[in-house]
Amino acid sequence: MPASRSRKPFKWVTLAASLLFALSPLAPQDDPSQFDTTGQATVDGRTTRYVVRHLPPSAYPQIPLPILDKLTSRGCLIPQTYEAHQPENVVHASLEHAGSSDWAVLCSVTGTVSLLVFFGSGDSEPLALATAQETARLQAHGADATLGFNWAIDPATPDRVHQAQRNMHNPPPRPDHDALADSVLEGKTVYRFFANGSWTTLETQD
């Protein structure tokens, strides 16, 4: 995913949803569209089609097997943004402390998306940092204004965070490990940072 995303407000929508999920593993011959969620949304009095693309956890060979097993047992599908050109919304970064090996995943189960974080320091259940209905994260795109998923996560290096804080009055010191960039496409990016045993949102000029 790109390091930065364009900024533009998005509209909340009301929905008459038809959820179509397939939870079988993705084999080379399978059509990825079998994992799509489709429906109709009403925006400004007009009915508009939406499509949310998904991939199963098995589409990410880099995910460690214990985490893959937990995602699969939960019934997770990984939602893809409408601008995705490769598998996304799975992050490997040093989120707990400098040098740690941690993972963050957007996990969608029957239309509810959770931002899950797995620390490499233990085998405990993941922490859910945020939860939303898939249908609350839709945004118009393309010539026909089809609605697509607009929630994205990316790793944010200490340098990226420090750059985002450069214009603040009395900017804080450069962090010593990664943050998690939590973004709305064409909207705002929030930097989630773990330190001293808890998660905070870093203030930036983004």
Protein backbone atom coordinates (compact mmCIF):
# COMPACT_ATOMS: atom_id res chain seq x y z
CA MET A 1 0.00 0.00 0.00
CA PRO A 2 1.17 3.55 -0.56
CA ALA A 3 2.71 5.46 2.31
CA SER A 4 0.14 8.25 2.04
CA ARG A 5 -3.43 8.51 0.81
CA SER A 6 -5.32 11.40 -0.78
CA ARG A 7 -7.75 13.28 1.41
CA LYS A 8 -11.45 13.72 0.67
CA PRO A 9 -14.54 13.46 2.93
CA PHE A 10 -16.72 10.40 2.42
CA LYS A 11 -20.43 9.84 2.82
CA TRP A 12 -22.11 7.53 5.30
CA VAL A 13 -24.83 5.43 3.71
CA THR A 14 -27.92 3.48 4.65
CA LEU A 15 -28.20 0.01 3.26
CA ALA A 16 -30.38 -2.83 2.14
CA ALA A 17 -27.67 -5.47 2.20
CA SER A 18 -27.36 -8.86 0.61
CA LEU A 19 -24.34 -10.61 2.10
CA LEU A 20 -22.77 -13.35 0.02
CA PHE A 21 -19.83 -15.10 1.70
CA ALA A 22 -17.78 -18.16 0.77
CA LEU A 23 -15.35 -19.44 3.35
CA SER A 24 -13.56 -22.23 1.48
CA PRO A 25 -9.77 -21.92 1.05
CA LEU A 26 -8.64 -20.10 -2.09
CA ALA A 27 -7.17 -22.55 -4.57
CA PRO A 28 -5.31 -21.45 -7.72
CA GLN A 29 -8.30 -22.35 -9.93
CA ASP A 30 -10.83 -20.54 -7.74
CA ASP A 31 -12.48 -17.27 -8.75
CA PRO A 32 -11.67 -14.66 -6.04
CA SER A 33 -15.07 -13.03 -6.65
CA GLN A 34 -16.65 -15.90 -4.73
CA PHE A 35 -15.55 -14.08 -1.58
CA ASP A 36 -17.26 -10.79 -2.51
CA THR A 37 -20.02 -9.12 -0.55
CA THR A 38 -22.58 -7.30 -2.69
CA GLY A 39 -25.68 -5.28 -2.01
CA GLN A 40 -27.58 -2.06 -2.55
CA ALA A 41 -27.02 1.23 -0.72
CA THR A 42 -29.17 4.35 -0.64
CA VAL A 43 -27.12 7.54 -1.02
CA ASP A 44 -28.84 10.93 -1.34
CA GLY A 45 -32.08 9.17 -2.22
CA ARG A 46 -30.52 7.06 -4.97
CA THR A 47 -29.97 3.32 -4.86
CA THR A 48 -26.35 2.40 -5.62
CA ARG A 49 -24.66 -0.96 -5.93
CA TYR A 50 -21.76 -1.82 -3.65
CA VAL A 51 -19.10 -4.51 -3.88
CA VAL A 52 -16.63 -5.38 -1.13
CA ARG A 53 -13.79 -7.64 -2.25
CA HIS A 54 -12.32 -10.18 0.17
CA LEU A 55 -9.48 -12.66 0.32
CA PRO A 56 -9.20 -15.62 2.68
CA PRO A 57 -6.26 -15.73 5.13
CA SER A 58 -4.76 -18.55 3.04
CA ALA A 59 -4.07 -15.98 0.30
CA TYR A 60 -1.30 -14.51 2.50
CA PRO A 61 1.52 -17.09 2.66
CA GLN A 62 3.60 -14.73 4.83
CA ILE A 63 1.24 -15.00 7.81
CA PRO A 64 2.71 -17.32 10.48
CA LEU A 65 0.81 -20.58 10.84
CA PRO A 66 -0.42 -19.99 14.44
CA ILE A 67 -1.95 -16.65 13.41
CA LEU A 68 -3.32 -18.15 10.21
CA ASP A 69 -5.04 -20.87 12.27
CA LYS A 70 -6.64 -18.27 14.55
CA LEU A 71 -7.90 -16.20 11.64
CA THR A 72 -9.30 -19.29 9.94
CA SER A 73 -10.99 -20.54 13.12
CA ARG A 74 -12.68 -17.15 13.52
CA GLY A 75 -14.01 -17.34 9.97
CA CYS A 76 -12.06 -14.24 8.93
CA LEU A 77 -12.02 -12.84 5.43
CA ILE A 78 -9.67 -9.96 4.65
CA PRO A 79 -11.55 -7.02 3.06
CA GLN A 80 -9.78 -5.24 0.22
CA THR A 81 -10.09 -1.54 -0.53
CA TYR A 82 -11.58 -0.49 -3.84
CA GLU A 83 -8.13 0.64 -5.03
CA ALA A 84 -6.33 -2.62 -4.17
CA HIS A 85 -4.09 -4.12 -6.86
CA GLN A 86 -2.52 -6.78 -4.64
CA PRO A 87 -3.46 -8.46 -1.34
CA GLU A 88 -3.61 -5.86 1.43
CA ASN A 89 -4.85 -5.09 4.94
CA VAL A 90 -2.40 -7.51 6.55
CA VAL A 91 0.53 -5.73 8.23
CA HIS A 92 3.82 -7.10 9.57
CA ALA A 93 5.68 -4.52 11.67
CA SER A 94 7.40 -3.82 14.99
CA LEU A 95 4.32 -2.62 16.83
CA GLU A 96 5.01 -3.72 20.41
CA HIS A 97 8.58 -2.41 20.65
CA ALA A 98 11.66 -1.89 18.52
CA GLY A 99 12.59 -5.16 16.81
CA SER A 100 9.40 -7.04 17.68
CA SER A 101 7.63 -9.13 15.05
CA ASP A 102 3.93 -8.34 15.16
CA TRP A 103 0.92 -8.57 12.87
CA ALA A 104 -2.22 -6.53 12.30
CA VAL A 105 -5.15 -7.74 10.22
CA LEU A 106 -8.55 -6.46 9.17
CA CYS A 107 -10.81 -9.45 9.84
CA SER A 108 -14.34 -9.48 8.44
CA VAL A 109 -16.85 -11.98 9.81
CA THR A 110 -20.44 -11.87 8.48
CA GLY A 111 -20.20 -8.18 7.75
CA THR A 112 -18.41 -6.95 10.89
CA VAL A 113 -14.79 -5.86 10.47
CA SER A 114 -12.31 -5.88 13.37
CA LEU A 115 -8.79 -4.48 13.43
CA LEU A 116 -6.87 -7.27 15.16
CA VAL A 117 -3.30 -7.04 16.47
CA PHE A 118 -1.18 -10.11 17.25
CA PHE A 119 1.98 -9.46 19.27
CA GLY A 120 4.86 -11.82 18.62
CA SER A 121 5.69 -11.94 22.34
CA GLY A 122 2.88 -14.32 23.24
CA ASP A 123 0.24 -16.75 22.06
CA SER A 124 -2.72 -14.93 23.60
CA GLU A 125 -5.81 -13.93 21.68
CA PRO A 126 -5.42 -10.82 19.51
CA LEU A 127 -6.47 -7.39 20.67
CA ALA A 128 -9.29 -5.71 18.71
CA LEU A 129 -8.37 -2.04 18.32
CA ALA A 130 -11.46 -1.04 16.34
CA THR A 131 -14.65 -2.60 15.00
CA ALA A 132 -17.12 -1.40 12.36
CA GLN A 133 -19.78 -2.71 10.06
CA GLU A 134 -18.43 -3.25 6.56
CA THR A 135 -21.37 -1.30 5.22
CA ALA A 136 -20.34 1.74 7.31
CA ARG A 137 -17.01 1.83 5.44
CA LEU A 138 -18.25 2.32 1.89
CA GLN A 139 -17.26 5.06 -0.52
CA ALA A 140 -18.16 5.91 -4.13
CA HIS A 141 -15.49 5.40 -6.78
CA GLY A 142 -15.13 4.91 -10.51
CA ALA A 143 -17.16 6.27 -13.40
CA ASP A 144 -20.36 4.54 -12.28
CA ALA A 145 -19.90 5.60 -8.60
CA THR A 146 -20.06 2.02 -7.37
CA LEU A 147 -19.45 1.87 -3.62
CA GLY A 148 -16.38 0.05 -2.33
CA PHE A 149 -14.56 -0.57 0.94
CA ASN A 150 -12.43 2.37 2.12
CA TRP A 151 -10.68 1.14 5.31
CA ALA A 152 -6.96 0.41 4.99
CA ILE A 153 -4.11 -0.39 7.37
CA ASP A 154 -0.40 0.00 6.67
CA PRO A 155 2.82 -0.05 8.69
CA ALA A 156 4.04 3.41 9.69
CA THR A 157 7.78 3.59 10.27
CA PRO A 158 9.20 5.93 12.93
CA ASP A 159 10.39 8.23 10.13
CA ARG A 160 6.92 8.38 8.59
CA VAL A 161 5.32 9.26 11.92
CA HIS A 162 8.02 11.83 12.68
CA GLN A 163 7.44 13.42 9.25
CA ALA A 164 3.69 13.64 9.93
CA GLN A 165 4.44 15.45 13.20
CA ARG A 166 6.96 17.89 11.71
CA ASN A 167 4.67 20.96 11.68
CA MET A 168 3.30 20.53 15.17
CA HIS A 169 4.04 23.06 17.86
CA ASN A 170 6.69 21.38 20.03
CA PRO A 171 6.65 18.09 18.08
CA PRO A 172 7.43 14.99 20.15
CA PRO A 173 10.66 13.01 19.69
CA ARG A 174 10.85 10.50 16.87
CA PRO A 175 9.32 7.19 18.07
CA ASP A 176 11.64 4.20 18.39
CA HIS A 177 9.34 1.63 16.74
CA ASP A 178 6.56 1.35 14.20
CA ALA A 179 3.01 2.62 14.47
CA LEU A 180 -0.06 1.34 12.67
CA ALA A 181 -1.50 3.68 10.02
CA ASP A 182 -5.30 3.37 10.10
CA SER A 183 -6.70 5.16 7.05
CA VAL A 184 -9.87 6.11 5.25
CA LEU A 185 -9.13 6.24 1.52
CA GLU A 186 -9.22 9.85 0.34
CA GLY A 187 -9.69 10.76 4.00
CA LYS A 188 -7.88 10.87 7.31
CA THR A 189 -5.05 8.66 8.58
CA VAL A 190 -4.79 7.91 12.29
CA TYR A 191 -1.51 6.59 13.72
CA ARG A 192 -2.04 3.98 16.44
CA PHE A 193 1.01 3.54 18.69
CA PHE A 194 1.70 1.04 21.47
CA ALA A 195 3.86 2.13 24.42
CA ASN A 196 3.94 1.57 28.17
CA GLY A 197 1.42 -1.25 27.96
CA SER A 198 -1.36 0.57 26.11
CA TRP A 199 -2.40 1.89 22.70
CA THR A 200 -2.66 5.61 21.99
CA THR A 201 -3.47 7.73 18.96
CA LEU A 202 -0.57 9.94 17.94
CA GLU A 203 -1.34 13.57 17.27
CA THR A 204 -0.14 14.63 13.82
CA GLN A 205 -0.64 17.32 11.21
CA ASP A 206 -2.08 14.84 8.67
